[in-house]
Amino acid sequence: MKTNPVSVVFWVVVLVFFVSMGLRGLRKGLANRRLLENGGCVIGRVRSQIEVKAGRGRRASEISYSFIDEFGQTWFGEGTDHTKSHFPEMPVVIFYDLKDPSQNVAACVTAWKVLGPDKKLFDLD
């Protein structure tokens, strides 16, 4: 059985695409974990919220938010609200890099959860 070289190239490209998407998601998840473990934590505000299509009949809630760091500077961020419960002007917990607040994540945007000293989950939503 002879294999068509075009077909092989196509499937290699598809495989590389999916692997790179998976690695990108993993890298972002690990960066978010670092922010939750070592970053600052403030209460920010949801600035906007829209629902977008996310595949076959599914919808996602995209939010943008702002927060003020310890020096009084306003910073912005955005992401998918996995809880689908945040709307404009609502408070939202933000974790950010103390040295670079442009690196930030809202608690409702990350899949990571925070455990207290008693090993119980904090409800950040």
PDB file of N, CA and C in Angstrom:
ATOM      1  N   MET A   1       0.844  -1.175   0.000  1.00  0.00           N
ATOM      2  CA  MET A   1       0.000   0.000   0.000  1.00  0.00           C
ATOM      3  C   MET A   1       0.891   1.241   0.000  1.00  0.00           C
ATOM      4  N   LYS A   2       0.677   2.106  -0.965  1.00  0.00           N
ATOM      5  CA  LYS A   2       1.484   3.304  -1.111  1.00  0.00           C
ATOM      6  C   LYS A   2       0.764   4.489  -0.463  1.00  0.00           C
ATOM      7  N   THR A   3       1.514   5.319   0.284  1.00  0.00           N
ATOM      8  CA  THR A   3       0.940   6.464   0.985  1.00  0.00           C
ATOM      9  C   THR A   3       1.166   7.728   0.174  1.00  0.00           C
ATOM     10  N   ASN A   4       0.130   8.533   0.065  1.00  0.00           N
ATOM     11  CA  ASN A   4       0.186   9.789  -0.658  1.00  0.00           C
ATOM     12  C   ASN A   4       0.958  10.809   0.196  1.00  0.00           C
ATOM     13  N   PRO A   5       2.036  11.398  -0.319  1.00  0.00           N
ATOM     14  CA  PRO A   5       2.834  12.355   0.464  1.00  0.00           C
ATOM     15  C   PRO A   5       2.026  13.581   0.905  1.00  0.00           C
ATOM     16  N   VAL A   6       1.090  14.026   0.105  1.00  0.00           N
ATOM     17  CA  VAL A   6       0.261  15.184   0.464  1.00  0.00           C
ATOM     18  C   VAL A   6      -0.585  14.846   1.690  1.00  0.00           C
ATOM     19  N   SER A   7      -1.112  13.650   1.723  1.00  0.00           N
ATOM     20  CA  SER A   7      -1.919  13.208   2.858  1.00  0.00           C
ATOM     21  C   SER A   7      -1.080  13.151   4.132  1.00  0.00           C
ATOM     22  N   VAL A   8       0.125  12.654   4.032  1.00  0.00           N
ATOM     23  CA  VAL A   8       1.022  12.571   5.191  1.00  0.00           C
ATOM     24  C   VAL A   8       1.329  13.971   5.714  1.00  0.00           C
ATOM     25  N   VAL A   9       1.652  14.894   4.826  1.00  0.00           N
ATOM     26  CA  VAL A   9       1.957  16.272   5.226  1.00  0.00           C
ATOM     27  C   VAL A   9       0.740  16.896   5.905  1.00  0.00           C
ATOM     28  N   PHE A  10      -0.447  16.687   5.330  1.00  0.00           N
ATOM     29  CA  PHE A  10      -1.671  17.230   5.915  1.00  0.00           C
ATOM     30  C   PHE A  10      -1.853  16.742   7.351  1.00  0.00           C
ATOM     31  N   TRP A  11      -1.735  15.459   7.573  1.00  0.00           N
ATOM     32  CA  TRP A  11      -1.950  14.913   8.925  1.00  0.00           C
ATOM     33  C   TRP A  11      -0.851  15.321   9.898  1.00  0.00           C
ATOM     34  N   VAL A  12       0.355  15.508   9.415  1.00  0.00           N
ATOM     35  CA  VAL A  12       1.427  16.010  10.287  1.00  0.00           C
ATOM     36  C   VAL A  12       1.110  17.446  10.715  1.00  0.00           C
ATOM     37  N   VAL A  13       0.645  18.269   9.787  1.00  0.00           N
ATOM     38  CA  VAL A  13       0.280  19.653  10.106  1.00  0.00           C
ATOM     39  C   VAL A  13      -0.867  19.677  11.118  1.00  0.00           C
ATOM     40  N   VAL A  14      -1.874  18.839  10.925  1.00  0.00           N
ATOM     41  CA  VAL A  14      -2.998  18.764  11.861  1.00  0.00           C
ATOM     42  C   VAL A  14      -2.507  18.350  13.242  1.00  0.00           C
ATOM     43  N   LEU A  15      -1.656  17.355  13.302  1.00  0.00           N
ATOM     44  CA  LEU A  15      -1.113  16.885  14.577  1.00  0.00           C
ATOM     45  C   LEU A  15      -0.310  17.984  15.273  1.00  0.00           C
ATOM     46  N   VAL A  16       0.548  18.669  14.542  1.00  0.00           N
ATOM     47  CA  VAL A  16       1.356  19.755  15.108  1.00  0.00           C
ATOM     48  C   VAL A  16       0.449  20.869  15.629  1.00  0.00           C
ATOM     49  N   PHE A  17      -0.614  21.182  14.912  1.00  0.00           N
ATOM     50  CA  PHE A  17      -1.554  22.215  15.344  1.00  0.00           C
ATOM     51  C   PHE A  17      -2.174  21.855  16.688  1.00  0.00           C
ATOM     52  N   PHE A  18      -2.702  20.639  16.809  1.00  0.00           N
ATOM     53  CA  PHE A  18      -3.357  20.247  18.053  1.00  0.00           C
ATOM     54  C   PHE A  18      -2.383  20.126  19.217  1.00  0.00           C
ATOM     55  N   VAL A  19      -1.198  19.664  18.968  1.00  0.00           N
ATOM     56  CA  VAL A  19      -0.183  19.585  20.027  1.00  0.00           C
ATOM     57  C   VAL A  19       0.194  20.994  20.485  1.00  0.00           C
ATOM     58  N   SER A  20       0.374  21.920  19.551  1.00  0.00           N
ATOM     59  CA  SER A  20       0.746  23.289  19.923  1.00  0.00           C
ATOM     60  C   SER A  20      -0.378  23.970  20.700  1.00  0.00           C
ATOM     61  N   MET A  21      -1.628  23.708  20.338  1.00  0.00           N
ATOM     62  CA  MET A  21      -2.756  24.277  21.080  1.00  0.00           C
ATOM     63  C   MET A  21      -2.793  23.718  22.505  1.00  0.00           C
ATOM     64  N   GLY A  22      -2.535  22.450  22.644  1.00  0.00           N
ATOM     65  CA  GLY A  22      -2.503  21.835  23.971  1.00  0.00           C
ATOM     66  C   GLY A  22      -1.380  22.397  24.824  1.00  0.00           C
ATOM     67  N   LEU A  23      -0.208  22.576  24.239  1.00  0.00           N
ATOM     68  CA  LEU A  23       0.930  23.144  24.968  1.00  0.00           C
ATOM     69  C   LEU A  23       0.669  24.593  25.359  1.00  0.00           C
ATOM     70  N   ARG A  24       0.012  25.327  24.486  1.00  0.00           N
ATOM     71  CA  ARG A  24      -0.327  26.725  24.783  1.00  0.00           C
ATOM     72  C   ARG A  24      -1.263  26.785  25.986  1.00  0.00           C
ATOM     73  N   GLY A  25      -2.274  25.948  26.005  1.00  0.00           N
ATOM     74  CA  GLY A  25      -3.207  25.906  27.125  1.00  0.00           C
ATOM     75  C   GLY A  25      -2.523  25.491  28.418  1.00  0.00           C
ATOM     76  N   LEU A  26      -1.634  24.526  28.333  1.00  0.00           N
ATOM     77  CA  LEU A  26      -0.893  24.070  29.508  1.00  0.00           C
ATOM     78  C   LEU A  26      -0.005  25.179  30.056  1.00  0.00           C
ATOM     79  N   ARG A  27       0.673  25.884  29.165  1.00  0.00           N
ATOM     80  CA  ARG A  27       1.547  26.976  29.590  1.00  0.00           C
ATOM     81  C   ARG A  27       0.755  28.090  30.273  1.00  0.00           C
ATOM     82  N   LYS A  28      -0.410  28.431  29.718  1.00  0.00           N
ATOM     83  CA  LYS A  28      -1.258  29.460  30.316  1.00  0.00           C
ATOM     84  C   LYS A  28      -1.775  28.999  31.680  1.00  0.00           C
ATOM     85  N   GLY A  29      -2.163  27.735  31.780  1.00  0.00           N
ATOM     86  CA  GLY A  29      -2.637  27.195  33.050  1.00  0.00           C
ATOM     87  C   GLY A  29      -1.569  27.236  34.122  1.00  0.00           C
ATOM     88  N   LEU A  30      -0.337  26.921  33.760  1.00  0.00           N
ATOM     89  CA  LEU A  30       0.762  26.961  34.727  1.00  0.00           C
ATOM     90  C   LEU A  30       1.091  28.398  35.135  1.00  0.00           C
ATOM     91  N   ALA A  31       0.991  29.329  34.205  1.00  0.00           N
ATOM     92  CA  ALA A  31       1.210  30.739  34.539  1.00  0.00           C
ATOM     93  C   ALA A  31       0.133  31.219  35.508  1.00  0.00           C
ATOM     94  N   ASN A  32      -1.114  30.809  35.278  1.00  0.00           N
ATOM     95  CA  ASN A  32      -2.201  31.175  36.183  1.00  0.00           C
ATOM     96  C   ASN A  32      -1.967  30.598  37.578  1.00  0.00           C
ATOM     97  N   ARG A  33      -1.489  29.374  37.632  1.00  0.00           N
ATOM     98  CA  ARG A  33      -1.212  28.747  38.936  1.00  0.00           C
ATOM     99  C   ARG A  33      -0.153  29.545  39.692  1.00  0.00           C
ATOM    100  N   ARG A  34       0.881  29.972  38.989  1.00  0.00           N
ATOM    101  CA  ARG A  34       1.932  30.779  39.608  1.00  0.00           C
ATOM    102  C   ARG A  34       1.354  32.067  40.183  1.00  0.00           C
ATOM    103  N   LEU A  35       0.423  32.703  39.469  1.00  0.00           N
ATOM    104  CA  LEU A  35      -0.200  33.931  39.969  1.00  0.00           C
ATOM    105  C   LEU A  35      -1.010  33.664  41.240  1.00  0.00           C
ATOM    106  N   LEU A  36      -1.739  32.562  41.275  1.00  0.00           N
ATOM    107  CA  LEU A  36      -2.524  32.234  42.457  1.00  0.00           C
ATOM    108  C   LEU A  36      -1.637  31.896  43.648  1.00  0.00           C
ATOM    109  N   GLU A  37      -0.512  31.253  43.406  1.00  0.00           N
ATOM    110  CA  GLU A  37       0.381  30.846  44.497  1.00  0.00           C
ATOM    111  C   GLU A  37       1.233  32.002  45.019  1.00  0.00           C
ATOM    112  N   ASN A  38       1.745  32.844  44.129  1.00  0.00           N
ATOM    113  CA  ASN A  38       2.752  33.827  44.514  1.00  0.00           C
ATOM    114  C   ASN A  38       2.370  35.276  44.246  1.00  0.00           C
ATOM    115  N   GLY A  39       1.236  35.520  43.624  1.00  0.00           N
ATOM    116  CA  GLY A  39       0.893  36.881  43.229  1.00  0.00           C
ATOM    117  C   GLY A  39       0.109  37.638  44.276  1.00  0.00           C
ATOM    118  N   GLY A  40      -0.180  38.893  43.935  1.00  0.00           N
ATOM    119  CA  GLY A  40      -1.039  39.718  44.764  1.00  0.00           C
ATOM    120  C   GLY A  40      -2.487  39.368  44.496  1.00  0.00           C
ATOM    121  N   CYS A  41      -3.354  39.776  45.396  1.00  0.00           N
ATOM    122  CA  CYS A  41      -4.782  39.481  45.263  1.00  0.00           C
ATOM    123  C   CYS A  41      -5.566  40.746  45.609  1.00  0.00           C
ATOM    124  N   VAL A  42      -6.450  41.151  44.725  1.00  0.00           N
ATOM    125  CA  VAL A  42      -7.284  42.330  44.945  1.00  0.00           C
ATOM    126  C   VAL A  42      -8.696  42.048  44.447  1.00  0.00           C
ATOM    127  N   ILE A  43      -9.596  42.924  44.834  1.00  0.00           N
ATOM    128  CA  ILE A  43     -10.959  42.872  44.298  1.00  0.00           C
ATOM    129  C   ILE A  43     -11.024  43.891  43.169  1.00  0.00           C
ATOM    130  N   GLY A  44     -11.394  43.409  41.989  1.00  0.00           N
ATOM    131  CA  GLY A  44     -11.555  44.280  40.834  1.00  0.00           C
ATOM    132  C   GLY A  44     -13.024  44.391  40.472  1.00  0.00           C
ATOM    133  N   ARG A  45     -13.299  44.957  39.322  1.00  0.00           N
ATOM    134  CA  ARG A  45     -14.670  45.117  38.829  1.00  0.00           C
ATOM    135  C   ARG A  45     -14.763  44.596  37.406  1.00  0.00           C
ATOM    136  N   VAL A  46     -15.863  43.921  37.124  1.00  0.00           N
ATOM    137  CA  VAL A  46     -16.149  43.498  35.753  1.00  0.00           C
ATOM    138  C   VAL A  46     -16.554  44.743  34.979  1.00  0.00           C
ATOM    139  N   ARG A  47     -15.905  44.977  33.862  1.00  0.00           N
ATOM    140  CA  ARG A  47     -16.202  46.150  33.031  1.00  0.00           C
ATOM    141  C   ARG A  47     -17.239  45.836  31.960  1.00  0.00           C
ATOM    142  N   SER A  48     -17.123  44.635  31.380  1.00  0.00           N
ATOM    143  CA  SER A  48     -18.085  44.243  30.347  1.00  0.00           C
ATOM    144  C   SER A  48     -18.223  42.730  30.330  1.00  0.00           C
ATOM    145  N   GLN A  49     -19.326  42.270  29.775  1.00  0.00           N
ATOM    146  CA  GLN A  49     -19.593  40.835  29.665  1.00  0.00           C
ATOM    147  C   GLN A  49     -20.407  40.616  28.402  1.00  0.00           C
ATOM    148  N   ILE A  50     -19.973  39.670  27.587  1.00  0.00           N
ATOM    149  CA  ILE A  50     -20.747  39.296  26.402  1.00  0.00           C
ATOM    150  C   ILE A  50     -20.785  37.777  26.303  1.00  0.00           C
ATOM    151  N   GLU A  51     -21.859  37.287  25.708  1.00  0.00           N
ATOM    152  CA  GLU A  51     -21.938  35.857  25.439  1.00  0.00           C
ATOM    153  C   GLU A  51     -21.539  35.633  23.992  1.00  0.00           C
ATOM    154  N   VAL A  52     -20.688  34.625  23.787  1.00  0.00           N
ATOM    155  CA  VAL A  52     -20.217  34.299  22.449  1.00  0.00           C
ATOM    156  C   VAL A  52     -20.461  32.825  22.169  1.00  0.00           C
ATOM    157  N   LYS A  53     -20.537  32.485  20.902  1.00  0.00           N
ATOM    158  CA  LYS A  53     -20.670  31.075  20.527  1.00  0.00           C
ATOM    159  C   LYS A  53     -19.374  30.350  20.837  1.00  0.00           C
ATOM    160  N   ALA A  54     -19.511  29.142  21.363  1.00  0.00           N
ATOM    161  CA  ALA A  54     -18.321  28.360  21.722  1.00  0.00           C
ATOM    162  C   ALA A  54     -18.439  26.945  21.194  1.00  0.00           C
ATOM    163  N   GLY A  55     -18.923  26.815  19.988  1.00  0.00           N
ATOM    164  CA  GLY A  55     -19.071  25.478  19.420  1.00  0.00           C
ATOM    165  C   GLY A  55     -20.525  25.161  19.159  1.00  0.00           C
ATOM    166  N   ARG A  56     -20.793  23.902  18.991  1.00  0.00           N
ATOM    167  CA  ARG A  56     -22.140  23.431  18.639  1.00  0.00           C
ATOM    168  C   ARG A  56     -23.154  23.740  19.735  1.00  0.00           C
ATOM    169  N   GLY A  57     -23.879  24.824  19.578  1.00  0.00           N
ATOM    170  CA  GLY A  57     -24.943  25.168  20.496  1.00  0.00           C
ATOM    171  C   GLY A  57     -24.484  25.602  21.877  1.00  0.00           C
ATOM    172  N   ARG A  58     -23.188  25.666  22.080  1.00  0.00           N
ATOM    173  CA  ARG A  58     -22.676  26.098  23.389  1.00  0.00           C
ATOM    174  C   ARG A  58     -22.351  27.585  23.337  1.00  0.00           C
ATOM    175  N   ARG A  59     -22.453  28.216  24.496  1.00  0.00           N
ATOM    176  CA  ARG A  59     -22.127  29.629  24.609  1.00  0.00           C
ATOM    177  C   ARG A  59     -21.151  29.823  25.752  1.00  0.00           C
ATOM    178  N   ALA A  60     -20.319  30.835  25.618  1.00  0.00           N
ATOM    179  CA  ALA A  60     -19.351  31.170  26.657  1.00  0.00           C
ATOM    180  C   ALA A  60     -19.553  32.622  27.066  1.00  0.00           C
ATOM    181  N   SER A  61     -19.191  32.925  28.293  1.00  0.00           N
ATOM    182  CA  SER A  61     -19.298  34.276  28.818  1.00  0.00           C
ATOM    183  C   SER A  61     -17.906  34.899  28.859  1.00  0.00           C
ATOM    184  N   GLU A  62     -17.678  35.890  28.024  1.00  0.00           N
ATOM    185  CA  GLU A  62     -16.392  36.587  27.974  1.00  0.00           C
ATOM    186  C   GLU A  62     -16.507  37.872  28.790  1.00  0.00           C
ATOM    187  N   ILE A  63     -15.566  38.076  29.709  1.00  0.00           N
ATOM    188  CA  ILE A  63     -15.593  39.285  30.526  1.00  0.00           C
ATOM    189  C   ILE A  63     -14.296  40.071  30.359  1.00  0.00           C
ATOM    190  N   SER A  64     -14.388  41.360  30.583  1.00  0.00           N
ATOM    191  CA  SER A  64     -13.201  42.196  30.749  1.00  0.00           C
ATOM    192  C   SER A  64     -13.326  42.812  32.133  1.00  0.00           C
ATOM    193  N   TYR A  65     -12.190  43.043  32.775  1.00  0.00           N
ATOM    194  CA  TYR A  65     -12.219  43.536  34.142  1.00  0.00           C
ATOM    195  C   TYR A  65     -11.080  44.528  34.352  1.00  0.00           C
ATOM    196  N   SER A  66     -11.177  45.261  35.429  1.00  0.00           N
ATOM    197  CA  SER A  66     -10.105  46.185  35.809  1.00  0.00           C
ATOM    198  C   SER A  66      -9.867  46.064  37.306  1.00  0.00           C
ATOM    199  N   PHE A  67      -8.666  46.466  37.720  1.00  0.00           N
ATOM    200  CA  PHE A  67      -8.334  46.472  39.135  1.00  0.00           C
ATOM    201  C   PHE A  67      -7.257  47.513  39.375  1.00  0.00           C
ATOM    202  N   ILE A  68      -7.110  47.887  40.631  1.00  0.00           N
ATOM    203  CA  ILE A  68      -6.104  48.869  41.017  1.00  0.00           C
ATOM    204  C   ILE A  68      -5.055  48.153  41.854  1.00  0.00           C
ATOM    205  N   ASP A  69      -3.790  48.294  41.460  1.00  0.00           N
ATOM    206  CA  ASP A  69      -2.703  47.622  42.189  1.00  0.00           C
ATOM    207  C   ASP A  69      -2.332  48.403  43.451  1.00  0.00           C
ATOM    208  N   GLU A  70      -1.325  47.920  44.162  1.00  0.00           N
ATOM    209  CA  GLU A  70      -0.934  48.525  45.433  1.00  0.00           C
ATOM    210  C   GLU A  70      -0.357  49.932  45.284  1.00  0.00           C
ATOM    211  N   PHE A  71      -0.019  50.333  44.066  1.00  0.00           N
ATOM    212  CA  PHE A  71       0.515  51.663  43.818  1.00  0.00           C
ATOM    213  C   PHE A  71      -0.544  52.615  43.261  1.00  0.00           C
ATOM    214  N   GLY A  72      -1.783  52.146  43.155  1.00  0.00           N
ATOM    215  CA  GLY A  72      -2.877  52.989  42.682  1.00  0.00           C
ATOM    216  C   GLY A  72      -3.046  53.037  41.181  1.00  0.00           C
ATOM    217  N   GLN A  73      -2.307  52.205  40.458  1.00  0.00           N
ATOM    218  CA  GLN A  73      -2.422  52.187  38.997  1.00  0.00           C
ATOM    219  C   GLN A  73      -3.516  51.207  38.579  1.00  0.00           C
ATOM    220  N   THR A  74      -4.304  51.587  37.595  1.00  0.00           N
ATOM    221  CA  THR A  74      -5.379  50.737  37.087  1.00  0.00           C
ATOM    222  C   THR A  74      -4.849  49.812  35.998  1.00  0.00           C
ATOM    223  N   TRP A  75      -5.230  48.544  36.093  1.00  0.00           N
ATOM    224  CA  TRP A  75      -4.830  47.513  35.128  1.00  0.00           C
ATOM    225  C   TRP A  75      -6.079  46.823  34.602  1.00  0.00           C
ATOM    226  N   PHE A  76      -5.935  46.171  33.452  1.00  0.00           N
ATOM    227  CA  PHE A  76      -7.071  45.527  32.792  1.00  0.00           C
ATOM    228  C   PHE A  76      -6.750  44.078  32.445  1.00  0.00           C
ATOM    229  N   GLY A  77      -7.782  43.291  32.301  1.00  0.00           N
ATOM    230  CA  GLY A  77      -7.631  41.912  31.875  1.00  0.00           C
ATOM    231  C   GLY A  77      -8.928  41.429  31.264  1.00  0.00           C
ATOM    232  N   GLU A  78      -8.881  40.241  30.701  1.00  0.00           N
ATOM    233  CA  GLU A  78     -10.082  39.660  30.090  1.00  0.00           C
ATOM    234  C   GLU A  78      -9.940  38.149  30.044  1.00  0.00           C
ATOM    235  N   GLY A  79     -11.060  37.483  29.859  1.00  0.00           N
ATOM    236  CA  GLY A  79     -11.033  36.035  29.750  1.00  0.00           C
ATOM    237  C   GLY A  79     -12.433  35.457  29.761  1.00  0.00           C
ATOM    238  N   THR A  80     -12.501  34.141  29.713  1.00  0.00           N
ATOM    239  CA  THR A  80     -13.782  33.435  29.721  1.00  0.00           C
ATOM    240  C   THR A  80     -14.199  33.160  31.154  1.00  0.00           C
ATOM    241  N   ASP A  81     -15.354  33.669  31.534  1.00  0.00           N
ATOM    242  CA  ASP A  81     -15.911  33.442  32.864  1.00  0.00           C
ATOM    243  C   ASP A  81     -16.520  32.043  32.889  1.00  0.00           C
ATOM    244  N   HIS A  82     -15.794  31.092  33.469  1.00  0.00           N
ATOM    245  CA  HIS A  82     -16.269  29.706  33.478  1.00  0.00           C
ATOM    246  C   HIS A  82     -17.496  29.507  34.352  1.00  0.00           C
ATOM    247  N   THR A  83     -17.739  30.430  35.291  1.00  0.00           N
ATOM    248  CA  THR A  83     -18.924  30.317  36.159  1.00  0.00           C
ATOM    249  C   THR A  83     -20.171  30.871  35.474  1.00  0.00           C
ATOM    250  N   LYS A  84     -19.983  31.687  34.449  1.00  0.00           N
ATOM    251  CA  LYS A  84     -21.078  32.356  33.735  1.00  0.00           C
ATOM    252  C   LYS A  84     -21.966  33.140  34.696  1.00  0.00           C
ATOM    253  N   SER A  85     -21.370  33.718  35.720  1.00  0.00           N
ATOM    254  CA  SER A  85     -22.166  34.409  36.733  1.00  0.00           C
ATOM    255  C   SER A  85     -21.742  35.852  36.965  1.00  0.00           C
ATOM    256  N   HIS A  86     -20.788  36.364  36.188  1.00  0.00           N
ATOM    257  CA  HIS A  86     -20.318  37.732  36.392  1.00  0.00           C
ATOM    258  C   HIS A  86     -20.867  38.667  35.322  1.00  0.00           C
ATOM    259  N   PHE A  87     -21.280  39.852  35.782  1.00  0.00           N
ATOM    260  CA  PHE A  87     -21.867  40.853  34.911  1.00  0.00           C
ATOM    261  C   PHE A  87     -21.211  42.202  35.196  1.00  0.00           C
ATOM    262  N   PRO A  88     -21.389  43.186  34.320  1.00  0.00           N
ATOM    263  CA  PRO A  88     -20.756  44.490  34.526  1.00  0.00           C
ATOM    264  C   PRO A  88     -21.030  45.069  35.914  1.00  0.00           C
ATOM    265  N   GLU A  89     -19.984  45.659  36.467  1.00  0.00           N
ATOM    266  CA  GLU A  89     -19.967  46.318  37.774  1.00  0.00           C
ATOM    267  C   GLU A  89     -19.911  45.359  38.958  1.00  0.00           C
ATOM    268  N   MET A  90     -19.930  44.053  38.722  1.00  0.00           N
ATOM    269  CA  MET A  90     -19.797  43.096  39.822  1.00  0.00           C
ATOM    270  C   MET A  90     -18.344  43.028  40.280  1.00  0.00           C
ATOM    271  N   PRO A  91     -18.135  42.797  41.572  1.00  0.00           N
ATOM    272  CA  PRO A  91     -16.763  42.583  42.040  1.00  0.00           C
ATOM    273  C   PRO A  91     -16.246  41.228  41.578  1.00  0.00           C
ATOM    274  N   VAL A  92     -14.944  41.144  41.378  1.00  0.00           N
ATOM    275  CA  VAL A  92     -14.318  39.899  40.954  1.00  0.00           C
ATOM    276  C   VAL A  92     -12.923  39.826  41.576  1.00  0.00           C
ATOM    277  N   VAL A  93     -12.535  38.645  42.043  1.00  0.00           N
ATOM    278  CA  VAL A  93     -11.220  38.458  42.646  1.00  0.00           C
ATOM    279  C   VAL A  93     -10.181  38.351  41.535  1.00  0.00           C
ATOM    280  N   ILE A  94      -9.109  39.148  41.659  1.00  0.00           N
ATOM    281  CA  ILE A  94      -8.039  39.188  40.663  1.00  0.00           C
ATOM    282  C   ILE A  94      -6.724  38.793  41.329  1.00  0.00           C
ATOM    283  N   PHE A  95      -5.978  37.927  40.676  1.00  0.00           N
ATOM    284  CA  PHE A  95      -4.621  37.590  41.085  1.00  0.00           C
ATOM    285  C   PHE A  95      -3.681  38.191  40.049  1.00  0.00           C
ATOM    286  N   TYR A  96      -2.582  38.789  40.519  1.00  0.00           N
ATOM    287  CA  TYR A  96      -1.679  39.437  39.569  1.00  0.00           C
ATOM    288  C   TYR A  96      -0.229  39.335  40.036  1.00  0.00           C
ATOM    289  N   ASP A  97       0.673  39.477  39.085  1.00  0.00           N
ATOM    290  CA  ASP A  97       2.105  39.463  39.347  1.00  0.00           C
ATOM    291  C   ASP A  97       2.474  40.817  39.956  1.00  0.00           C
ATOM    292  N   LEU A  98       3.034  40.808  41.160  1.00  0.00           N
ATOM    293  CA  LEU A  98       3.371  42.053  41.852  1.00  0.00           C
ATOM    294  C   LEU A  98       4.389  42.888  41.085  1.00  0.00           C
ATOM    295  N   LYS A  99       5.271  42.245  40.322  1.00  0.00           N
ATOM    296  CA  LYS A  99       6.283  42.960  39.556  1.00  0.00           C
ATOM    297  C   LYS A  99       5.784  43.390  38.179  1.00  0.00           C
ATOM    298  N   ASP A 100       4.749  42.711  37.685  1.00  0.00           N
ATOM    299  CA  ASP A 100       4.195  43.015  36.361  1.00  0.00           C
ATOM    300  C   ASP A 100       2.686  42.777  36.381  1.00  0.00           C
ATOM    301  N   PRO A 101       1.907  43.754  36.900  1.00  0.00           N
ATOM    302  CA  PRO A 101       0.455  43.569  37.023  1.00  0.00           C
ATOM    303  C   PRO A 101      -0.287  43.349  35.707  1.00  0.00           C
ATOM    304  N   SER A 102       0.402  43.569  34.569  1.00  0.00           N
ATOM    305  CA  SER A 102      -0.262  43.252  33.297  1.00  0.00           C
ATOM    306  C   SER A 102      -0.480  41.742  33.173  1.00  0.00           C
ATOM    307  N   GLN A 103       0.273  40.981  33.971  1.00  0.00           N
ATOM    308  CA  GLN A 103       0.091  39.535  34.045  1.00  0.00           C
ATOM    309  C   GLN A 103      -0.906  39.278  35.170  1.00  0.00           C
ATOM    310  N   ASN A 104      -2.154  39.019  34.812  1.00  0.00           N
ATOM    311  CA  ASN A 104      -3.203  38.866  35.818  1.00  0.00           C
ATOM    312  C   ASN A 104      -4.260  37.890  35.349  1.00  0.00           C
ATOM    313  N   VAL A 105      -5.038  37.399  36.304  1.00  0.00           N
ATOM    314  CA  VAL A 105      -6.127  36.483  35.977  1.00  0.00           C
ATOM    315  C   VAL A 105      -7.229  36.644  37.013  1.00  0.00           C
ATOM    316  N   ALA A 106      -8.459  36.665  36.552  1.00  0.00           N
ATOM    317  CA  ALA A 106      -9.603  36.697  37.463  1.00  0.00           C
ATOM    318  C   ALA A 106      -9.858  35.274  37.954  1.00  0.00           C
ATOM    319  N   ALA A 107     -10.313  35.145  39.187  1.00  0.00           N
ATOM    320  CA  ALA A 107     -10.556  33.822  39.769  1.00  0.00           C
ATOM    321  C   ALA A 107     -11.547  33.016  38.930  1.00  0.00           C
ATOM    322  N   CYS A 108     -12.523  33.676  38.332  1.00  0.00           N
ATOM    323  CA  CYS A 108     -13.538  32.965  37.549  1.00  0.00           C
ATOM    324  C   CYS A 108     -13.039  32.562  36.169  1.00  0.00           C
ATOM    325  N   VAL A 109     -11.849  33.036  35.787  1.00  0.00           N
ATOM    326  CA  VAL A 109     -11.291  32.756  34.462  1.00  0.00           C
ATOM    327  C   VAL A 109     -10.376  31.539  34.481  1.00  0.00           C
ATOM    328  N   THR A 110      -9.846  31.194  35.644  1.00  0.00           N
ATOM    329  CA  THR A 110      -8.927  30.071  35.745  1.00  0.00           C
ATOM    330  C   THR A 110      -9.623  28.849  36.341  1.00  0.00           C
ATOM    331  N   ALA A 111      -9.133  27.683  36.000  1.00  0.00           N
ATOM    332  CA  ALA A 111      -9.690  26.447  36.547  1.00  0.00           C
ATOM    333  C   ALA A 111      -9.098  26.121  37.918  1.00  0.00           C
ATOM    334  N   TRP A 112      -8.014  26.806  38.302  1.00  0.00           N
ATOM    335  CA  TRP A 112      -7.377  26.549  39.588  1.00  0.00           C
ATOM    336  C   TRP A 112      -8.248  27.053  40.724  1.00  0.00           C
ATOM    337  N   LYS A 113      -8.191  26.386  41.854  1.00  0.00           N
ATOM    338  CA  LYS A 113      -8.924  26.768  43.060  1.00  0.00           C
ATOM    339  C   LYS A 113      -7.931  27.047  44.176  1.00  0.00           C
ATOM    340  N   VAL A 114      -8.366  27.778  45.194  1.00  0.00           N
ATOM    341  CA  VAL A 114      -7.493  28.151  46.302  1.00  0.00           C
ATOM    342  C   VAL A 114      -7.939  27.426  47.568  1.00  0.00           C
ATOM    343  N   LEU A 115      -6.980  26.754  48.201  1.00  0.00           N
ATOM    344  CA  LEU A 115      -7.223  26.085  49.481  1.00  0.00           C
ATOM    345  C   LEU A 115      -6.752  26.974  50.620  1.00  0.00           C
ATOM    346  N   GLY A 116      -7.553  27.009  51.667  1.00  0.00           N
ATOM    347  CA  GLY A 116      -7.165  27.733  52.869  1.00  0.00           C
ATOM    348  C   GLY A 116      -6.270  26.874  53.740  1.00  0.00           C
ATOM    349  N   PRO A 117      -5.788  27.437  54.856  1.00  0.00           N
ATOM    350  CA  PRO A 117      -4.922  26.686  55.762  1.00  0.00           C
ATOM    351  C   PRO A 117      -5.599  25.432  56.324  1.00  0.00           C
ATOM    352  N   ASP A 118      -6.935  25.465  56.376  1.00  0.00           N
ATOM    353  CA  ASP A 118      -7.675  24.305  56.884  1.00  0.00           C
ATOM    354  C   ASP A 118      -7.983  23.295  55.786  1.00  0.00           C
ATOM    355  N   LYS A 119      -7.390  23.486  54.615  1.00  0.00           N
ATOM    356  CA  LYS A 119      -7.548  22.592  53.447  1.00  0.00           C
ATOM    357  C   LYS A 119      -8.962  22.631  52.861  1.00  0.00           C
ATOM    358  N   LYS A 120      -9.718  23.685  53.143  1.00  0.00           N
ATOM    359  CA  LYS A 120     -11.046  23.862  52.562  1.00  0.00           C
ATOM    360  C   LYS A 120     -10.943  24.865  51.423  1.00  0.00           C
ATOM    361  N   LEU A 121     -11.759  24.644  50.380  1.00  0.00           N
ATOM    362  CA  LEU A 121     -11.753  25.553  49.236  1.00  0.00           C
ATOM    363  C   LEU A 121     -12.329  26.902  49.605  1.00  0.00           C
ATOM    364  N   PHE A 122     -11.636  27.966  49.167  1.00  0.00           N
ATOM    365  CA  PHE A 122     -12.201  29.294  49.272  1.00  0.00           C
ATOM    366  C   PHE A 122     -13.208  29.464  48.140  1.00  0.00           C
ATOM    367  N   ASP A 123     -14.342  30.086  48.419  1.00  0.00           N
ATOM    368  CA  ASP A 123     -15.311  30.383  47.372  1.00  0.00           C
ATOM    369  C   ASP A 123     -14.973  31.761  46.827  1.00  0.00           C
ATOM    370  N   LEU A 124     -14.306  31.819  45.696  1.00  0.00           N
ATOM    371  CA  LEU A 124     -13.856  33.084  45.122  1.00  0.00           C
ATOM    372  C   LEU A 124     -14.821  33.627  44.082  1.00  0.00           C
ATOM    373  N   ASP A 125     -15.875  32.898  43.809  1.00  0.00           N
ATOM    374  CA  ASP A 125     -16.821  33.343  42.791  1.00  0.00           C
ATOM    375  C   ASP A 125     -17.959  34.028  43.467  1.00  0.00           C
TER     376      ASP A 125
END
